[in-house]
Protein backbone atom coordinates (compact mmCIF):
# COMPACT_ATOMS: atom_id res chain seq x y z
CA UNK A 1 0.00 0.00 0.00
CA UNK A 2 1.46 3.35 -1.04
CA UNK A 3 0.26 6.47 0.79
CA UNK A 4 1.09 10.13 0.13
CA UNK A 5 1.10 12.76 2.88
CA UNK A 6 0.56 16.09 1.12
CA UNK A 7 1.75 19.28 2.83
CA UNK A 8 -0.94 21.83 1.92
CA UNK A 9 0.96 25.04 2.63
CA UNK A 10 3.94 26.79 1.07
CA UNK A 11 4.03 29.84 3.34
CA UNK A 12 7.25 31.13 4.83
CA UNK A 13 7.37 30.08 8.50
CA UNK A 14 4.62 27.49 8.07
CA UNK A 15 4.07 24.79 10.69
CA UNK A 16 1.98 22.51 8.47
CA UNK A 17 5.18 20.64 7.59
CA UNK A 18 5.71 19.75 11.28
CA UNK A 19 2.22 18.33 11.51
CA UNK A 20 2.76 16.44 8.24
CA UNK A 21 5.99 14.94 9.59
CA UNK A 22 4.14 13.69 12.68
CA UNK A 23 1.43 12.20 10.45
CA UNK A 24 4.07 10.61 8.18
CA UNK A 25 5.86 9.02 11.13
CA UNK A 26 2.60 7.45 12.31
CA UNK A 27 1.54 6.37 8.81
CA UNK A 28 4.89 4.65 8.20
CA UNK A 29 3.93 2.14 10.89
CA UNK A 30 1.14 0.94 8.56
CA UNK A 31 2.21 1.50 4.96
CA UNK A 32 4.80 2.72 2.49
CA UNK A 33 4.59 6.52 2.82
CA UNK A 34 5.98 9.45 0.87
CA UNK A 35 5.64 13.09 1.84
CA UNK A 36 4.73 15.43 -1.00
CA UNK A 37 5.54 19.08 -0.35
CA UNK A 38 3.67 21.47 -2.62
CA UNK A 39 6.76 23.70 -2.44
CA UNK A 40 8.35 21.12 -4.77
CA UNK A 41 5.44 21.40 -7.22
CA UNK A 42 5.05 25.10 -8.04
CA UNK A 43 2.20 25.52 -10.50
CA UNK A 44 0.55 28.58 -12.00
CA UNK A 45 -3.05 29.28 -11.14
CA UNK A 46 -5.35 26.85 -12.90
CA UNK A 47 -5.96 28.42 -16.31
CA UNK A 48 -6.82 25.52 -18.61
CA UNK A 49 -9.70 26.39 -20.97
CA UNK A 50 -11.65 23.17 -20.27
CA UNK A 51 -12.11 21.29 -17.01
CA UNK A 52 -9.35 18.64 -16.83
CA UNK A 53 -11.89 15.82 -16.41
CA UNK A 54 -13.68 16.78 -19.62
CA UNK A 55 -10.77 17.57 -21.93
CA UNK A 56 -9.83 14.53 -24.05
CA UNK A 57 -7.09 16.57 -25.77
CA UNK A 58 -5.53 17.87 -22.57
CA UNK A 59 -1.85 18.73 -22.73
CA UNK A 60 -0.77 19.93 -19.26
CA UNK A 61 2.22 22.20 -18.78
CA UNK A 62 5.39 20.35 -17.68
CA UNK A 63 5.19 21.60 -14.08
CA UNK A 64 1.57 20.44 -13.89
CA UNK A 65 2.38 17.08 -15.49
CA UNK A 66 5.06 16.53 -12.81
CA UNK A 67 2.35 16.97 -10.12
CA UNK A 68 -0.18 14.77 -11.95
CA UNK A 69 2.32 11.95 -12.49
CA UNK A 70 3.43 12.03 -8.84
CA UNK A 71 -0.06 12.06 -7.33
CA UNK A 72 -1.18 9.18 -9.59
CA UNK A 73 1.40 6.85 -7.97
CA UNK A 74 -0.51 6.40 -4.71
CA UNK A 75 -3.31 4.21 -3.35
CA UNK A 76 -4.37 6.74 -0.70
CA UNK A 77 -3.60 10.20 0.62
CA UNK A 78 -3.46 12.31 3.75
CA UNK A 79 -3.93 16.02 3.08
CA UNK A 80 -2.51 18.15 5.88
CA UNK A 81 -3.93 21.63 5.59
CA UNK A 82 -3.94 24.88 7.47
CA UNK A 83 -7.12 26.92 7.62
CA UNK A 84 -6.84 30.28 5.87
CA UNK A 85 -9.88 32.57 5.85
CA UNK A 86 -12.29 29.74 6.67
CA UNK A 87 -11.10 27.39 3.94
CA UNK A 88 -8.08 25.39 2.83
CA UNK A 89 -4.98 27.06 1.41
CA UNK A 90 -5.15 28.42 -2.11
CA UNK A 91 -2.12 26.38 -3.16
CA UNK A 92 -3.77 23.10 -2.12
CA UNK A 93 -7.05 23.98 -3.81
CA UNK A 94 -5.15 24.95 -6.97
CA UNK A 95 -3.30 21.61 -6.96
CA UNK A 96 -6.63 19.78 -6.63
CA UNK A 97 -8.14 21.81 -9.47
CA UNK A 98 -5.47 20.47 -11.86
CA UNK A 99 -6.37 16.82 -11.17
CA UNK A 100 -8.45 14.80 -13.58
CA UNK A 101 -8.52 11.06 -12.75
CA UNK A 102 -5.34 10.57 -10.67
CA UNK A 103 -7.33 10.23 -7.43
CA UNK A 104 -10.38 8.50 -8.91
CA UNK A 105 -11.87 6.06 -6.39
CA UNK A 106 -8.98 6.55 -3.97
CA UNK A 107 -9.33 7.53 -0.29
CA UNK A 108 -8.18 10.73 1.36
CA UNK A 109 -7.75 11.36 5.08
CA UNK A 110 -7.91 14.99 6.19
CA UNK A 111 -5.82 16.63 8.90
CA UNK A 112 -6.38 20.31 9.60
CA UNK A 113 -5.01 22.92 11.93
CA UNK A 114 -5.96 26.43 12.88
CA UNK A 115 -8.00 28.39 15.38
CA UNK A 116 -11.03 26.16 14.73
CA UNK A 117 -8.87 23.08 14.33
CA UNK A 118 -8.98 23.49 10.58
CA UNK A 119 -12.65 22.43 10.60
CA UNK A 120 -13.69 24.79 7.82
CA UNK A 121 -10.65 23.86 5.72
CA UNK A 122 -11.58 20.20 6.10
CA UNK A 123 -15.21 20.96 5.25
CA UNK A 124 -14.17 22.72 2.05
CA UNK A 125 -11.96 19.79 1.07
CA UNK A 126 -14.85 17.38 1.70
CA UNK A 127 -16.80 19.39 -0.89
CA UNK A 128 -13.96 19.70 -3.44
CA UNK A 129 -12.46 16.21 -3.44
CA UNK A 130 -15.50 14.33 -4.82
CA UNK A 131 -15.13 16.56 -7.88
CA UNK A 132 -11.92 14.70 -8.74
CA UNK A 133 -13.38 11.31 -7.83
CA UNK A 134 -11.70 10.98 -4.43
CA UNK A 135 -13.39 9.47 -1.37
CA UNK A 136 -12.82 11.11 2.02
CA UNK A 137 -12.62 8.83 5.02
CA UNK A 138 -15.15 9.47 7.83
CA UNK A 139 -12.68 10.58 10.52
CA UNK A 140 -10.79 13.85 10.41
CA UNK A 141 -8.15 15.24 12.73
CA UNK A 142 -8.76 18.78 13.96
CA UNK A 143 -5.64 20.24 15.54
CA UNK A 144 -6.35 23.40 17.54
CA UNK A 145 -3.12 23.57 19.52
CA UNK A 146 -0.37 25.87 18.33
CA UNK A 147 1.64 23.37 16.32
CA UNK A 148 5.00 24.98 17.09
CA UNK A 149 4.35 24.68 20.82
CA UNK A 150 3.38 21.00 20.63
CA UNK A 151 5.35 19.49 17.72
CA UNK A 152 9.01 20.25 17.08
CA UNK A 153 10.63 20.84 13.68
CA UNK A 154 11.30 17.08 13.38
CA UNK A 155 7.63 16.20 13.77
CA UNK A 156 8.04 14.91 17.31
CA UNK A 157 5.60 15.69 20.11
CA UNK A 158 7.54 17.78 22.62
CA UNK A 159 8.45 16.31 26.01
CA UNK A 160 5.82 16.66 28.69
CA UNK A 161 3.03 17.23 26.18
CA UNK A 162 2.23 13.62 25.35
CA UNK A 163 -0.88 13.64 27.55
CA UNK A 164 -2.15 16.81 25.89
CA UNK A 165 -2.00 15.18 22.46
CA UNK A 166 -3.06 11.65 23.38
CA UNK A 167 -6.57 12.22 22.04
CA UNK A 168 -5.21 13.46 18.73
CA UNK A 169 -2.74 10.58 18.63
CA UNK A 170 -5.59 8.09 19.02
CA UNK A 171 -7.70 9.90 16.41
CA UNK A 172 -4.79 9.91 13.97
CA UNK A 173 -4.16 6.19 14.51
CA UNK A 174 -7.83 5.35 13.91
CA UNK A 175 -7.96 7.63 10.89
CA UNK A 176 -4.86 6.05 9.33
CA UNK A 177 -6.18 2.54 9.96
CA UNK A 178 -9.41 3.54 8.21
CA UNK A 179 -7.46 5.08 5.33
CA UNK A 180 -5.47 1.86 4.86
CA UNK A 181 -8.68 -0.19 4.94
CA UNK A 182 -10.32 2.03 2.32
CA UNK A 183 -7.15 2.06 0.20
CA UNK A 184 -7.06 -1.75 0.15
CA UNK A 185 -10.78 -2.16 -0.53
CA UNK A 186 -10.86 0.45 -3.28
CA UNK A 187 -7.65 -0.81 -4.87
CA UNK A 188 -9.18 -4.28 -5.04
CA UNK A 189 -12.36 -2.90 -6.54
CA UNK A 190 -10.43 -0.84 -9.14
CA UNK A 191 -8.49 -3.92 -10.22
C-alpha atoms as a PDB file:
ATOM      1  CA  UNK A   1       0.000   0.000   0.000  1.00  0.00           C
ATOM      2  CA  UNK A   2       1.462   3.350  -1.038  1.00  0.00           C
ATOM      3  CA  UNK A   3       0.258   6.469   0.793  1.00  0.00           C
ATOM      4  CA  UNK A   4       1.091  10.134   0.134  1.00  0.00           C
ATOM      5  CA  UNK A   5       1.101  12.756   2.881  1.00  0.00           C
ATOM      6  CA  UNK A   6       0.564  16.087   1.125  1.00  0.00           C
ATOM      7  CA  UNK A   7       1.747  19.285   2.827  1.00  0.00           C
ATOM      8  CA  UNK A   8      -0.939  21.826   1.923  1.00  0.00           C
ATOM      9  CA  UNK A   9       0.965  25.043   2.633  1.00  0.00           C
ATOM     10  CA  UNK A  10       3.944  26.789   1.073  1.00  0.00           C
ATOM     11  CA  UNK A  11       4.029  29.844   3.335  1.00  0.00           C
ATOM     12  CA  UNK A  12       7.251  31.135   4.831  1.00  0.00           C
ATOM     13  CA  UNK A  13       7.369  30.083   8.501  1.00  0.00           C
ATOM     14  CA  UNK A  14       4.624  27.491   8.067  1.00  0.00           C
ATOM     15  CA  UNK A  15       4.074  24.788  10.687  1.00  0.00           C
ATOM     16  CA  UNK A  16       1.982  22.507   8.471  1.00  0.00           C
ATOM     17  CA  UNK A  17       5.176  20.637   7.593  1.00  0.00           C
ATOM     18  CA  UNK A  18       5.714  19.750  11.279  1.00  0.00           C
ATOM     19  CA  UNK A  19       2.220  18.326  11.512  1.00  0.00           C
ATOM     20  CA  UNK A  20       2.756  16.442   8.242  1.00  0.00           C
ATOM     21  CA  UNK A  21       5.990  14.936   9.587  1.00  0.00           C
ATOM     22  CA  UNK A  22       4.137  13.688  12.681  1.00  0.00           C
ATOM     23  CA  UNK A  23       1.428  12.199  10.446  1.00  0.00           C
ATOM     24  CA  UNK A  24       4.067  10.613   8.179  1.00  0.00           C
ATOM     25  CA  UNK A  25       5.861   9.016  11.125  1.00  0.00           C
ATOM     26  CA  UNK A  26       2.601   7.453  12.311  1.00  0.00           C
ATOM     27  CA  UNK A  27       1.543   6.375   8.807  1.00  0.00           C
ATOM     28  CA  UNK A  28       4.895   4.652   8.205  1.00  0.00           C
ATOM     29  CA  UNK A  29       3.925   2.142  10.888  1.00  0.00           C
ATOM     30  CA  UNK A  30       1.141   0.942   8.564  1.00  0.00           C
ATOM     31  CA  UNK A  31       2.214   1.504   4.961  1.00  0.00           C
ATOM     32  CA  UNK A  32       4.799   2.719   2.487  1.00  0.00           C
ATOM     33  CA  UNK A  33       4.589   6.517   2.820  1.00  0.00           C
ATOM     34  CA  UNK A  34       5.977   9.451   0.874  1.00  0.00           C
ATOM     35  CA  UNK A  35       5.640  13.093   1.839  1.00  0.00           C
ATOM     36  CA  UNK A  36       4.725  15.434  -0.997  1.00  0.00           C
ATOM     37  CA  UNK A  37       5.536  19.078  -0.347  1.00  0.00           C
ATOM     38  CA  UNK A  38       3.670  21.468  -2.619  1.00  0.00           C
ATOM     39  CA  UNK A  39       6.763  23.704  -2.443  1.00  0.00           C
ATOM     40  CA  UNK A  40       8.349  21.121  -4.766  1.00  0.00           C
ATOM     41  CA  UNK A  41       5.439  21.404  -7.221  1.00  0.00           C
ATOM     42  CA  UNK A  42       5.051  25.099  -8.042  1.00  0.00           C
ATOM     43  CA  UNK A  43       2.200  25.519 -10.501  1.00  0.00           C
ATOM     44  CA  UNK A  44       0.551  28.578 -12.000  1.00  0.00           C
ATOM     45  CA  UNK A  45      -3.053  29.285 -11.139  1.00  0.00           C
ATOM     46  CA  UNK A  46      -5.352  26.848 -12.902  1.00  0.00           C
ATOM     47  CA  UNK A  47      -5.962  28.418 -16.315  1.00  0.00           C
ATOM     48  CA  UNK A  48      -6.824  25.515 -18.610  1.00  0.00           C
ATOM     49  CA  UNK A  49      -9.699  26.394 -20.972  1.00  0.00           C
ATOM     50  CA  UNK A  50     -11.648  23.168 -20.275  1.00  0.00           C
ATOM     51  CA  UNK A  51     -12.110  21.293 -17.007  1.00  0.00           C
ATOM     52  CA  UNK A  52      -9.353  18.638 -16.828  1.00  0.00           C
ATOM     53  CA  UNK A  53     -11.887  15.817 -16.414  1.00  0.00           C
ATOM     54  CA  UNK A  54     -13.678  16.778 -19.618  1.00  0.00           C
ATOM     55  CA  UNK A  55     -10.772  17.572 -21.933  1.00  0.00           C
ATOM     56  CA  UNK A  56      -9.830  14.530 -24.054  1.00  0.00           C
ATOM     57  CA  UNK A  57      -7.086  16.575 -25.769  1.00  0.00           C
ATOM     58  CA  UNK A  58      -5.527  17.872 -22.572  1.00  0.00           C
ATOM     59  CA  UNK A  59      -1.852  18.728 -22.734  1.00  0.00           C
ATOM     60  CA  UNK A  60      -0.774  19.930 -19.263  1.00  0.00           C
ATOM     61  CA  UNK A  61       2.217  22.198 -18.782  1.00  0.00           C
ATOM     62  CA  UNK A  62       5.392  20.345 -17.680  1.00  0.00           C
ATOM     63  CA  UNK A  63       5.194  21.601 -14.076  1.00  0.00           C
ATOM     64  CA  UNK A  64       1.572  20.444 -13.891  1.00  0.00           C
ATOM     65  CA  UNK A  65       2.382  17.082 -15.488  1.00  0.00           C
ATOM     66  CA  UNK A  66       5.056  16.532 -12.811  1.00  0.00           C
ATOM     67  CA  UNK A  67       2.351  16.967 -10.118  1.00  0.00           C
ATOM     68  CA  UNK A  68      -0.178  14.773 -11.947  1.00  0.00           C
ATOM     69  CA  UNK A  69       2.320  11.953 -12.486  1.00  0.00           C
ATOM     70  CA  UNK A  70       3.432  12.025  -8.841  1.00  0.00           C
ATOM     71  CA  UNK A  71      -0.061  12.064  -7.328  1.00  0.00           C
ATOM     72  CA  UNK A  72      -1.178   9.183  -9.588  1.00  0.00           C
ATOM     73  CA  UNK A  73       1.400   6.855  -7.969  1.00  0.00           C
ATOM     74  CA  UNK A  74      -0.511   6.401  -4.709  1.00  0.00           C
ATOM     75  CA  UNK A  75      -3.308   4.212  -3.347  1.00  0.00           C
ATOM     76  CA  UNK A  76      -4.369   6.743  -0.702  1.00  0.00           C
ATOM     77  CA  UNK A  77      -3.602  10.196   0.615  1.00  0.00           C
ATOM     78  CA  UNK A  78      -3.464  12.307   3.745  1.00  0.00           C
ATOM     79  CA  UNK A  79      -3.931  16.022   3.081  1.00  0.00           C
ATOM     80  CA  UNK A  80      -2.508  18.147   5.882  1.00  0.00           C
ATOM     81  CA  UNK A  81      -3.934  21.630   5.593  1.00  0.00           C
ATOM     82  CA  UNK A  82      -3.944  24.885   7.473  1.00  0.00           C
ATOM     83  CA  UNK A  83      -7.115  26.920   7.624  1.00  0.00           C
ATOM     84  CA  UNK A  84      -6.844  30.284   5.871  1.00  0.00           C
ATOM     85  CA  UNK A  85      -9.879  32.569   5.845  1.00  0.00           C
ATOM     86  CA  UNK A  86     -12.291  29.738   6.675  1.00  0.00           C
ATOM     87  CA  UNK A  87     -11.102  27.390   3.944  1.00  0.00           C
ATOM     88  CA  UNK A  88      -8.079  25.394   2.833  1.00  0.00           C
ATOM     89  CA  UNK A  89      -4.984  27.056   1.409  1.00  0.00           C
ATOM     90  CA  UNK A  90      -5.152  28.420  -2.115  1.00  0.00           C
ATOM     91  CA  UNK A  91      -2.119  26.383  -3.160  1.00  0.00           C
ATOM     92  CA  UNK A  92      -3.769  23.096  -2.122  1.00  0.00           C
ATOM     93  CA  UNK A  93      -7.052  23.982  -3.810  1.00  0.00           C
ATOM     94  CA  UNK A  94      -5.151  24.946  -6.973  1.00  0.00           C
ATOM     95  CA  UNK A  95      -3.297  21.611  -6.956  1.00  0.00           C
ATOM     96  CA  UNK A  96      -6.632  19.781  -6.628  1.00  0.00           C
ATOM     97  CA  UNK A  97      -8.138  21.806  -9.472  1.00  0.00           C
ATOM     98  CA  UNK A  98      -5.475  20.475 -11.858  1.00  0.00           C
ATOM     99  CA  UNK A  99      -6.367  16.821 -11.170  1.00  0.00           C
ATOM    100  CA  UNK A 100      -8.447  14.795 -13.584  1.00  0.00           C
ATOM    101  CA  UNK A 101      -8.521  11.057 -12.752  1.00  0.00           C
ATOM    102  CA  UNK A 102      -5.343  10.575 -10.673  1.00  0.00           C
ATOM    103  CA  UNK A 103      -7.335  10.229  -7.433  1.00  0.00           C
ATOM    104  CA  UNK A 104     -10.378   8.504  -8.914  1.00  0.00           C
ATOM    105  CA  UNK A 105     -11.870   6.056  -6.393  1.00  0.00           C
ATOM    106  CA  UNK A 106      -8.978   6.549  -3.966  1.00  0.00           C
ATOM    107  CA  UNK A 107      -9.333   7.530  -0.290  1.00  0.00           C
ATOM    108  CA  UNK A 108      -8.178  10.733   1.355  1.00  0.00           C
ATOM    109  CA  UNK A 109      -7.751  11.357   5.082  1.00  0.00           C
ATOM    110  CA  UNK A 110      -7.911  14.989   6.189  1.00  0.00           C
ATOM    111  CA  UNK A 111      -5.818  16.630   8.896  1.00  0.00           C
ATOM    112  CA  UNK A 112      -6.383  20.308   9.600  1.00  0.00           C
ATOM    113  CA  UNK A 113      -5.008  22.920  11.926  1.00  0.00           C
ATOM    114  CA  UNK A 114      -5.956  26.434  12.881  1.00  0.00           C
ATOM    115  CA  UNK A 115      -8.002  28.392  15.382  1.00  0.00           C
ATOM    116  CA  UNK A 116     -11.030  26.158  14.734  1.00  0.00           C
ATOM    117  CA  UNK A 117      -8.868  23.078  14.333  1.00  0.00           C
ATOM    118  CA  UNK A 118      -8.984  23.487  10.576  1.00  0.00           C
ATOM    119  CA  UNK A 119     -12.646  22.431  10.599  1.00  0.00           C
ATOM    120  CA  UNK A 120     -13.686  24.788   7.819  1.00  0.00           C
ATOM    121  CA  UNK A 121     -10.646  23.864   5.715  1.00  0.00           C
ATOM    122  CA  UNK A 122     -11.582  20.204   6.103  1.00  0.00           C
ATOM    123  CA  UNK A 123     -15.211  20.956   5.251  1.00  0.00           C
ATOM    124  CA  UNK A 124     -14.174  22.724   2.046  1.00  0.00           C
ATOM    125  CA  UNK A 125     -11.960  19.786   1.066  1.00  0.00           C
ATOM    126  CA  UNK A 126     -14.851  17.380   1.697  1.00  0.00           C
ATOM    127  CA  UNK A 127     -16.803  19.394  -0.890  1.00  0.00           C
ATOM    128  CA  UNK A 128     -13.962  19.705  -3.436  1.00  0.00           C
ATOM    129  CA  UNK A 129     -12.459  16.206  -3.441  1.00  0.00           C
ATOM    130  CA  UNK A 130     -15.501  14.326  -4.819  1.00  0.00           C
ATOM    131  CA  UNK A 131     -15.134  16.557  -7.881  1.00  0.00           C
ATOM    132  CA  UNK A 132     -11.919  14.699  -8.739  1.00  0.00           C
ATOM    133  CA  UNK A 133     -13.378  11.306  -7.828  1.00  0.00           C
ATOM    134  CA  UNK A 134     -11.695  10.983  -4.426  1.00  0.00           C
ATOM    135  CA  UNK A 135     -13.386   9.470  -1.369  1.00  0.00           C
ATOM    136  CA  UNK A 136     -12.815  11.108   2.018  1.00  0.00           C
ATOM    137  CA  UNK A 137     -12.624   8.827   5.023  1.00  0.00           C
ATOM    138  CA  UNK A 138     -15.149   9.474   7.826  1.00  0.00           C
ATOM    139  CA  UNK A 139     -12.682  10.577  10.519  1.00  0.00           C
ATOM    140  CA  UNK A 140     -10.786  13.854  10.410  1.00  0.00           C
ATOM    141  CA  UNK A 141      -8.150  15.241  12.725  1.00  0.00           C
ATOM    142  CA  UNK A 142      -8.762  18.781  13.957  1.00  0.00           C
ATOM    143  CA  UNK A 143      -5.644  20.240  15.540  1.00  0.00           C
ATOM    144  CA  UNK A 144      -6.351  23.404  17.543  1.00  0.00           C
ATOM    145  CA  UNK A 145      -3.115  23.575  19.517  1.00  0.00           C
ATOM    146  CA  UNK A 146      -0.367  25.871  18.329  1.00  0.00           C
ATOM    147  CA  UNK A 147       1.640  23.366  16.319  1.00  0.00           C
ATOM    148  CA  UNK A 148       4.997  24.984  17.088  1.00  0.00           C
ATOM    149  CA  UNK A 149       4.346  24.679  20.817  1.00  0.00           C
ATOM    150  CA  UNK A 150       3.381  21.000  20.626  1.00  0.00           C
ATOM    151  CA  UNK A 151       5.349  19.490  17.723  1.00  0.00           C
ATOM    152  CA  UNK A 152       9.008  20.252  17.084  1.00  0.00           C
ATOM    153  CA  UNK A 153      10.628  20.837  13.683  1.00  0.00           C
ATOM    154  CA  UNK A 154      11.298  17.085  13.381  1.00  0.00           C
ATOM    155  CA  UNK A 155       7.629  16.204  13.767  1.00  0.00           C
ATOM    156  CA  UNK A 156       8.037  14.906  17.307  1.00  0.00           C
ATOM    157  CA  UNK A 157       5.603  15.687  20.114  1.00  0.00           C
ATOM    158  CA  UNK A 158       7.537  17.782  22.620  1.00  0.00           C
ATOM    159  CA  UNK A 159       8.452  16.310  26.007  1.00  0.00           C
ATOM    160  CA  UNK A 160       5.818  16.662  28.688  1.00  0.00           C
ATOM    161  CA  UNK A 161       3.034  17.229  26.179  1.00  0.00           C
ATOM    162  CA  UNK A 162       2.226  13.617  25.345  1.00  0.00           C
ATOM    163  CA  UNK A 163      -0.884  13.642  27.553  1.00  0.00           C
ATOM    164  CA  UNK A 164      -2.154  16.808  25.893  1.00  0.00           C
ATOM    165  CA  UNK A 165      -1.998  15.183  22.459  1.00  0.00           C
ATOM    166  CA  UNK A 166      -3.057  11.646  23.377  1.00  0.00           C
ATOM    167  CA  UNK A 167      -6.574  12.222  22.044  1.00  0.00           C
ATOM    168  CA  UNK A 168      -5.212  13.456  18.734  1.00  0.00           C
ATOM    169  CA  UNK A 169      -2.737  10.578  18.630  1.00  0.00           C
ATOM    170  CA  UNK A 170      -5.592   8.090  19.023  1.00  0.00           C
ATOM    171  CA  UNK A 171      -7.701   9.895  16.414  1.00  0.00           C
ATOM    172  CA  UNK A 172      -4.791   9.909  13.967  1.00  0.00           C
ATOM    173  CA  UNK A 173      -4.156   6.190  14.510  1.00  0.00           C
ATOM    174  CA  UNK A 174      -7.833   5.351  13.910  1.00  0.00           C
ATOM    175  CA  UNK A 175      -7.957   7.631  10.892  1.00  0.00           C
ATOM    176  CA  UNK A 176      -4.857   6.052   9.333  1.00  0.00           C
ATOM    177  CA  UNK A 177      -6.182   2.544   9.960  1.00  0.00           C
ATOM    178  CA  UNK A 178      -9.415   3.539   8.215  1.00  0.00           C
ATOM    179  CA  UNK A 179      -7.456   5.075   5.332  1.00  0.00           C
ATOM    180  CA  UNK A 180      -5.468   1.857   4.857  1.00  0.00           C
ATOM    181  CA  UNK A 181      -8.681  -0.191   4.944  1.00  0.00           C
ATOM    182  CA  UNK A 182     -10.324   2.025   2.316  1.00  0.00           C
ATOM    183  CA  UNK A 183      -7.154   2.056   0.198  1.00  0.00           C
ATOM    184  CA  UNK A 184      -7.058  -1.754   0.147  1.00  0.00           C
ATOM    185  CA  UNK A 185     -10.775  -2.160  -0.527  1.00  0.00           C
ATOM    186  CA  UNK A 186     -10.861   0.453  -3.278  1.00  0.00           C
ATOM    187  CA  UNK A 187      -7.653  -0.812  -4.872  1.00  0.00           C
ATOM    188  CA  UNK A 188      -9.178  -4.284  -5.043  1.00  0.00           C
ATOM    189  CA  UNK A 189     -12.363  -2.899  -6.544  1.00  0.00           C
ATOM    190  CA  UNK A 190     -10.434  -0.838  -9.145  1.00  0.00           C
ATOM    191  CA  UNK A 191      -8.492  -3.916 -10.220  1.00  0.00           C
END
